[in-house]
Amino acid sequence: CIWRTGMESTAEKKEIVIVGGGIIGCTSAYFLTRHPFYDPSKHKITLLEASKIAGGASGKAGGLLALWAYPRSIVPLSYQLHAQLAKEHDGDTRWGYRQIHCGQLSAKGRPSQTKAALSGKPANGESLSLNKRDGKALGKVTAAGLPKDLNWFAPESVRSYYEMGDPDTTAQVHPYHFTTAMAELAEQKGVKIVLGSVTSIDTANGEGVRSVTYEDKSSKEIHTIPASHVIVSAGPWTQRVYPPAPISGMRAHSVTITPSKPISAYAVFTEISLPPDFGNKDTFVKSKRPHSKTVTPEIYARPNNEAYAC
């Protein structure tokens, strides 16, 4: 959502307020400071965030980039911009930008193992390895079409594998690091970042925007700042700021895992058939609700020895 005053001129002063410190708010701040007409002596940009930068979905998303994704009208531009930003600001180091493989995998789930097994020590005393495979296991990998370097799926469980994208068409970022880096780069160019919850926006009875009022997160004091333009990028909290907005939230979950050994650079869309007794036994806590017979988690290997699943 964007409000602005009626008069527009590159010469007049502007008070731009961005509500929401997620990926949209932070990249809006970044690109505004890179606009050819941006002049910090005339243009004041304030970014208001209620909790912390990238504190919501922007810091917990998957971060997959793909030329084969949708919508096709915007994907090529987004993919190109990510590559340019990574090149300009050392994104490989700052936010884990890298090109990867991506595939769709079908597998049959195995019964849950004991606590000792999950710690890397099965009941028989042998250790688990993410990298070593014997000849029989490699044969199953080949039969299922599983790439040999995709070393973090049990080959006996895999039914099929289909490649969706390669490093020429697929890449990734760490969303939290990317979003916070965009905020830092915008701040370096003059953007003021304030932690505070917006309580009201004065829209001058629909004729424009005059000011934004917020409660400071630390002091709990109420402040009102002038605004000639307001960009609302508050995600599922948008209706709290602007009730007419047709935006609502959806609850979702994601987890990150630290593997015992490095894992190869793949993003995998899975379809896993669960064992018949899943949720009834062989688990540490018995399930309190029935499970679907098939689950479809997305699992992405990340740099710095991390795996993301949602």
Protein backbone atom coordinates (compact mmCIF):
# COMPACT_ATOMS: atom_id res chain seq x y z
CA CYS A 1 0.00 0.00 0.00
CA ILE A 2 1.35 3.46 -0.87
CA TRP A 3 0.02 6.89 0.03
CA ARG A 4 1.37 10.18 -1.23
CA THR A 5 0.51 13.84 -1.34
CA GLY A 6 -1.01 15.33 -4.45
CA MET A 7 1.94 17.52 -5.47
CA GLU A 8 4.98 15.80 -6.99
CA SER A 9 8.31 17.41 -7.83
CA THR A 10 11.87 16.14 -7.77
CA ALA A 11 12.93 19.48 -6.29
CA GLU A 12 10.68 19.51 -3.23
CA LYS A 13 11.47 17.87 0.06
CA LYS A 14 9.94 14.50 0.78
CA GLU A 15 9.26 12.67 4.03
CA ILE A 16 9.01 8.99 3.09
CA VAL A 17 7.89 6.54 5.76
CA ILE A 18 8.16 2.78 5.22
CA VAL A 19 6.09 0.64 7.58
CA GLY A 20 7.54 -2.85 8.01
CA GLY A 21 11.12 -4.08 8.17
CA GLY A 22 10.74 -7.27 6.16
CA ILE A 23 12.22 -7.98 2.77
CA ILE A 24 9.82 -5.64 0.92
CA GLY A 25 10.33 -2.75 3.32
CA CYS A 26 14.12 -3.11 3.44
CA THR A 27 14.58 -3.51 -0.31
CA SER A 28 12.23 -0.55 -0.88
CA ALA A 29 14.49 1.53 1.37
CA TYR A 30 17.59 0.23 -0.42
CA PHE A 31 16.36 1.01 -3.94
CA LEU A 32 14.98 4.41 -2.95
CA THR A 33 18.48 5.41 -1.83
CA ARG A 34 19.82 4.24 -5.19
CA HIS A 35 17.29 6.26 -7.21
CA PRO A 36 19.00 8.84 -9.49
CA PHE A 37 16.94 11.66 -7.95
CA TYR A 38 17.59 10.66 -4.34
CA ASP A 39 19.14 13.50 -2.36
CA PRO A 40 19.52 12.89 1.40
CA SER A 41 19.47 16.65 1.99
CA LYS A 42 15.94 16.84 0.55
CA HIS A 43 14.57 13.33 0.97
CA LYS A 44 14.16 11.84 4.43
CA ILE A 45 13.39 8.12 4.59
CA THR A 46 12.27 6.49 7.83
CA LEU A 47 11.73 2.76 8.15
CA LEU A 48 9.47 1.75 11.07
CA GLU A 49 9.62 -1.85 12.31
CA ALA A 50 7.59 -3.11 15.26
CA SER A 51 9.91 -5.87 16.51
CA LYS A 52 13.17 -6.40 14.62
CA ILE A 53 14.41 -6.36 11.04
CA ALA A 54 13.45 -9.61 9.27
CA GLY A 55 11.67 -10.78 12.42
CA GLY A 56 8.78 -12.41 10.56
CA ALA A 57 8.50 -14.56 7.45
CA SER A 58 11.22 -12.55 5.70
CA GLY A 59 13.80 -14.04 8.04
CA LYS A 60 12.40 -17.55 8.05
CA ALA A 61 11.58 -18.24 4.38
CA GLY A 62 13.44 -20.63 2.10
CA GLY A 63 15.28 -18.14 -0.10
CA LEU A 64 15.07 -20.17 -3.32
CA LEU A 65 15.57 -18.26 -6.59
CA ALA A 66 14.66 -19.86 -9.92
CA LEU A 67 14.18 -18.77 -13.51
CA TRP A 68 11.63 -21.57 -13.90
CA ALA A 69 9.42 -20.25 -11.08
CA TYR A 70 6.29 -18.12 -11.30
CA PRO A 71 5.06 -15.53 -12.13
CA ARG A 72 7.06 -15.44 -15.35
CA SER A 73 6.37 -11.72 -15.76
CA ILE A 74 8.62 -10.84 -12.81
CA VAL A 75 10.89 -13.84 -12.20
CA PRO A 76 13.63 -12.94 -14.76
CA LEU A 77 13.96 -9.43 -13.30
CA SER A 78 14.10 -10.73 -9.73
CA TYR A 79 16.67 -13.39 -10.62
CA GLN A 80 18.84 -10.84 -12.42
CA LEU A 81 18.62 -8.32 -9.57
CA HIS A 82 19.69 -10.91 -7.03
CA ALA A 83 22.74 -11.77 -9.13
CA GLN A 84 23.62 -8.07 -9.50
CA LEU A 85 23.18 -7.34 -5.79
CA ALA A 86 25.34 -10.32 -4.85
CA LYS A 87 28.09 -9.20 -7.22
CA GLU A 88 27.99 -5.59 -6.02
CA HIS A 89 27.85 -6.28 -2.28
CA ASP A 90 29.65 -9.62 -1.87
CA GLY A 91 26.40 -11.50 -1.41
CA ASP A 92 28.22 -14.85 -1.44
CA THR A 93 29.70 -13.95 1.93
CA ARG A 94 27.09 -11.58 3.35
CA TRP A 95 23.89 -13.49 2.66
CA GLY A 96 24.85 -16.91 1.30
CA TYR A 97 24.08 -16.28 -2.36
CA ARG A 98 25.07 -19.24 -4.51
CA GLN A 99 23.91 -21.19 -7.55
CA ILE A 100 22.54 -24.67 -6.83
CA HIS A 101 20.79 -27.75 -8.16
CA CYS A 102 17.08 -28.32 -7.54
CA GLY A 103 15.01 -31.45 -7.91
CA GLN A 104 11.81 -33.25 -7.08
CA LEU A 105 12.20 -36.42 -5.05
CA SER A 106 9.77 -39.21 -4.16
CA ALA A 107 10.63 -41.41 -1.20
CA LYS A 108 9.26 -43.96 1.24
CA GLY A 109 9.64 -42.92 4.84
CA ARG A 110 11.35 -45.11 7.41
CA PRO A 111 10.24 -45.72 11.01
CA SER A 112 11.71 -43.25 13.47
CA GLN A 113 14.94 -44.30 15.09
CA THR A 114 15.98 -44.20 18.71
CA LYS A 115 17.57 -41.22 20.39
CA ALA A 116 20.95 -42.92 20.07
CA ALA A 117 20.44 -43.41 16.33
CA LEU A 118 19.44 -39.80 15.80
CA SER A 119 22.59 -38.70 17.60
CA GLY A 120 24.65 -40.66 15.08
CA LYS A 121 24.96 -43.91 17.07
CA PRO A 122 22.39 -46.57 16.17
CA ALA A 123 21.52 -49.36 18.55
CA ASN A 124 23.97 -51.73 16.87
CA GLY A 125 26.85 -49.42 17.75
CA GLU A 126 27.66 -48.38 14.19
CA SER A 127 27.93 -44.71 13.28
CA LEU A 128 25.85 -43.04 10.61
CA SER A 129 27.52 -41.30 7.67
CA LEU A 130 26.14 -38.75 5.29
CA ASN A 131 28.86 -39.35 2.73
CA LYS A 132 29.90 -43.02 2.57
CA ARG A 133 27.89 -45.40 0.39
CA ASP A 134 28.65 -48.98 -0.46
CA GLY A 135 28.20 -50.53 -3.89
CA LYS A 136 24.65 -51.69 -3.15
CA ALA A 137 23.62 -48.22 -2.05
CA LEU A 138 25.19 -46.63 -5.13
CA GLY A 139 23.24 -49.05 -7.29
CA LYS A 140 19.99 -47.87 -5.75
CA VAL A 141 21.04 -44.26 -6.26
CA THR A 142 21.58 -44.90 -9.98
CA ALA A 143 18.31 -46.80 -10.37
CA ALA A 144 16.30 -43.98 -8.81
CA GLY A 145 18.05 -41.30 -10.87
CA LEU A 146 19.43 -39.70 -7.72
CA PRO A 147 22.56 -37.60 -8.37
CA LYS A 148 25.63 -39.20 -6.78
CA ASP A 149 26.54 -36.00 -4.95
CA LEU A 150 23.08 -35.67 -3.37
CA ASN A 151 24.44 -37.41 -0.32
CA TRP A 152 21.85 -36.67 2.34
CA PHE A 153 18.99 -39.02 1.42
CA ALA A 154 18.92 -42.71 2.31
CA PRO A 155 19.16 -44.43 -1.11
CA GLU A 156 16.99 -47.36 -0.04
CA SER A 157 14.12 -44.91 0.60
CA VAL A 158 14.27 -43.04 -2.71
CA ARG A 159 11.80 -44.04 -5.40
CA SER A 160 12.53 -41.41 -8.03
CA TYR A 161 14.30 -38.13 -8.64
CA TYR A 162 13.63 -35.49 -11.29
CA GLU A 163 15.86 -32.45 -11.85
CA MET A 164 13.91 -29.18 -11.91
CA GLY A 165 16.81 -26.76 -12.23
CA ASP A 166 20.60 -26.52 -12.35
CA PRO A 167 23.09 -23.81 -11.33
CA ASP A 168 22.36 -21.91 -14.57
CA THR A 169 18.71 -21.44 -13.60
CA THR A 170 18.59 -21.84 -9.81
CA ALA A 171 20.18 -20.02 -6.89
CA GLN A 172 19.53 -19.26 -3.24
CA VAL A 173 20.01 -16.67 -0.52
CA HIS A 174 19.65 -16.79 3.24
CA PRO A 175 16.57 -14.55 3.65
CA TYR A 176 17.42 -13.27 7.13
CA HIS A 177 20.96 -12.27 6.16
CA PHE A 178 19.78 -10.81 2.85
CA THR A 179 17.07 -8.68 4.46
CA THR A 180 19.30 -7.39 7.26
CA ALA A 181 22.03 -6.60 4.72
CA MET A 182 19.57 -4.56 2.63
CA ALA A 183 18.60 -2.64 5.78
CA GLU A 184 22.25 -1.98 6.63
CA LEU A 185 23.05 -0.79 3.10
CA ALA A 186 20.02 1.52 3.10
CA GLU A 187 20.98 2.88 6.51
CA GLN A 188 24.46 3.67 5.24
CA LYS A 189 22.85 5.89 2.58
CA GLY A 190 20.77 7.87 5.07
CA VAL A 191 17.71 5.78 5.92
CA LYS A 192 16.67 6.08 9.57
CA ILE A 193 15.56 2.77 11.08
CA VAL A 194 13.25 3.03 14.07
CA LEU A 195 11.87 0.18 16.15
CA GLY A 196 8.30 1.12 16.91
CA SER A 197 4.71 0.06 16.25
CA VAL A 198 2.59 2.27 14.01
CA THR A 199 -0.66 3.25 15.73
CA SER A 200 -2.18 5.49 13.07
CA ILE A 201 -1.65 7.10 9.66
CA ASP A 202 -3.19 10.51 9.08
CA THR A 203 -4.55 10.31 5.54
CA ALA A 204 -6.06 13.80 5.56
CA ASN A 205 -9.59 12.47 4.99
CA GLY A 206 -8.49 10.59 1.90
CA GLU A 207 -6.85 13.59 0.24
CA GLY A 208 -3.30 12.51 0.90
CA VAL A 209 -1.07 11.66 3.82
CA ARG A 210 0.19 14.01 6.50
CA SER A 211 1.85 12.01 9.24
CA VAL A 212 2.48 8.66 10.89
CA THR A 213 2.15 8.03 14.62
CA TYR A 214 4.02 5.20 16.34
CA GLU A 215 4.89 3.85 19.76
CA ASP A 216 8.61 3.52 20.41
CA LYS A 217 9.52 -0.09 21.24
CA SER A 218 11.96 0.77 24.05
CA SER A 219 10.53 3.88 25.69
CA LYS A 220 6.84 3.21 24.89
CA GLU A 221 6.59 6.91 24.07
CA ILE A 222 4.23 8.07 21.31
CA HIS A 223 5.76 10.00 18.42
CA THR A 224 4.26 11.56 15.31
CA ILE A 225 6.43 12.21 12.27
CA PRO A 226 5.49 14.09 9.10
CA ALA A 227 4.98 12.05 5.95
CA SER A 228 4.55 12.99 2.32
CA HIS A 229 4.66 9.35 1.20
CA VAL A 230 3.88 6.17 3.14
CA ILE A 231 4.73 2.65 2.00
CA VAL A 232 3.00 -0.06 4.01
CA SER A 233 4.86 -3.37 3.77
CA ALA A 234 3.75 -4.96 7.02
CA GLY A 235 2.79 -8.35 5.61
CA PRO A 236 0.07 -10.10 7.64
CA TRP A 237 0.00 -7.14 10.04
CA THR A 238 -1.01 -4.69 7.29
CA GLN A 239 -4.67 -4.58 8.37
CA ARG A 240 -3.61 -3.35 11.81
CA VAL A 241 -2.14 -0.31 10.10
CA TYR A 242 -4.63 0.01 7.26
CA PRO A 243 -7.82 -2.02 7.93
CA PRO A 244 -9.27 -1.83 4.37
CA ALA A 245 -6.26 -3.68 2.91
CA PRO A 246 -7.31 -7.13 1.56
CA ILE A 247 -4.32 -8.82 3.18
CA SER A 248 -4.41 -11.62 5.72
CA GLY A 249 -1.87 -13.99 7.22
CA MET A 250 -1.29 -17.73 6.96
CA ARG A 251 0.43 -19.75 9.63
CA ALA A 252 3.37 -21.86 8.47
CA HIS A 253 6.36 -23.51 10.09
CA SER A 254 9.99 -23.93 9.16
CA VAL A 255 12.99 -25.44 10.89
CA THR A 256 16.73 -25.25 10.40
CA ILE A 257 19.02 -28.20 11.07
CA THR A 258 22.75 -28.40 11.63
CA PRO A 259 23.93 -31.62 9.91
CA SER A 260 26.69 -33.72 11.42
CA LYS A 261 28.67 -33.30 8.19
CA PRO A 262 28.54 -30.84 5.24
CA ILE A 263 25.78 -31.55 2.71
CA SER A 264 25.78 -30.90 -1.02
CA ALA A 265 24.15 -27.82 -2.55
CA TYR A 266 20.66 -29.00 -3.48
CA ALA A 267 17.13 -27.72 -2.95
CA VAL A 268 14.71 -30.64 -2.94
CA PHE A 269 10.93 -30.73 -3.23
CA THR A 270 9.92 -34.02 -1.67
CA GLU A 271 6.94 -36.33 -1.58
CA ILE A 272 7.38 -38.81 1.26
CA SER A 273 5.02 -41.67 2.09
CA LEU A 274 4.97 -42.13 5.86
CA PRO A 275 5.19 -45.53 7.55
CA PRO A 276 1.78 -46.92 8.61
CA ASP A 277 2.64 -46.61 12.31
CA PHE A 278 3.97 -43.06 12.10
CA GLY A 279 2.74 -41.03 15.04
CA ASN A 280 1.66 -44.10 17.00
CA LYS A 281 4.97 -45.61 18.04
CA ASP A 282 8.72 -45.28 17.51
CA THR A 283 8.45 -41.58 18.31
CA PHE A 284 9.55 -39.79 21.45
CA VAL A 285 6.19 -38.12 21.97
CA LYS A 286 3.05 -39.82 20.74
CA SER A 287 1.21 -37.68 18.20
CA LYS A 288 -1.90 -35.94 19.50
CA ARG A 289 -3.49 -35.66 16.07
CA PRO A 290 -3.69 -37.86 12.97
CA HIS A 291 -1.09 -37.39 10.27
CA SER A 292 -1.48 -37.35 6.52
CA LYS A 293 -0.21 -40.48 4.79
CA THR A 294 2.02 -38.35 2.58
CA VAL A 295 4.04 -35.25 3.44
CA THR A 296 5.74 -32.82 1.07
CA PRO A 297 8.48 -30.88 2.87
CA GLU A 298 10.84 -28.66 0.93
CA ILE A 299 14.43 -29.13 2.08
CA TYR A 300 17.24 -26.76 1.11
CA ALA A 301 20.92 -27.18 1.85
CA ARG A 302 22.47 -23.87 2.83
CA PRO A 303 26.06 -22.65 3.09
CA ASN A 304 27.75 -22.78 6.49
CA ASN A 305 26.48 -26.31 7.15
CA GLU A 306 22.76 -25.65 7.58
CA ALA A 307 19.63 -27.29 6.18
CA TYR A 308 16.26 -25.55 5.94
CA ALA A 309 12.95 -27.41 5.86
CA CYS A 310 9.35 -26.23 5.63
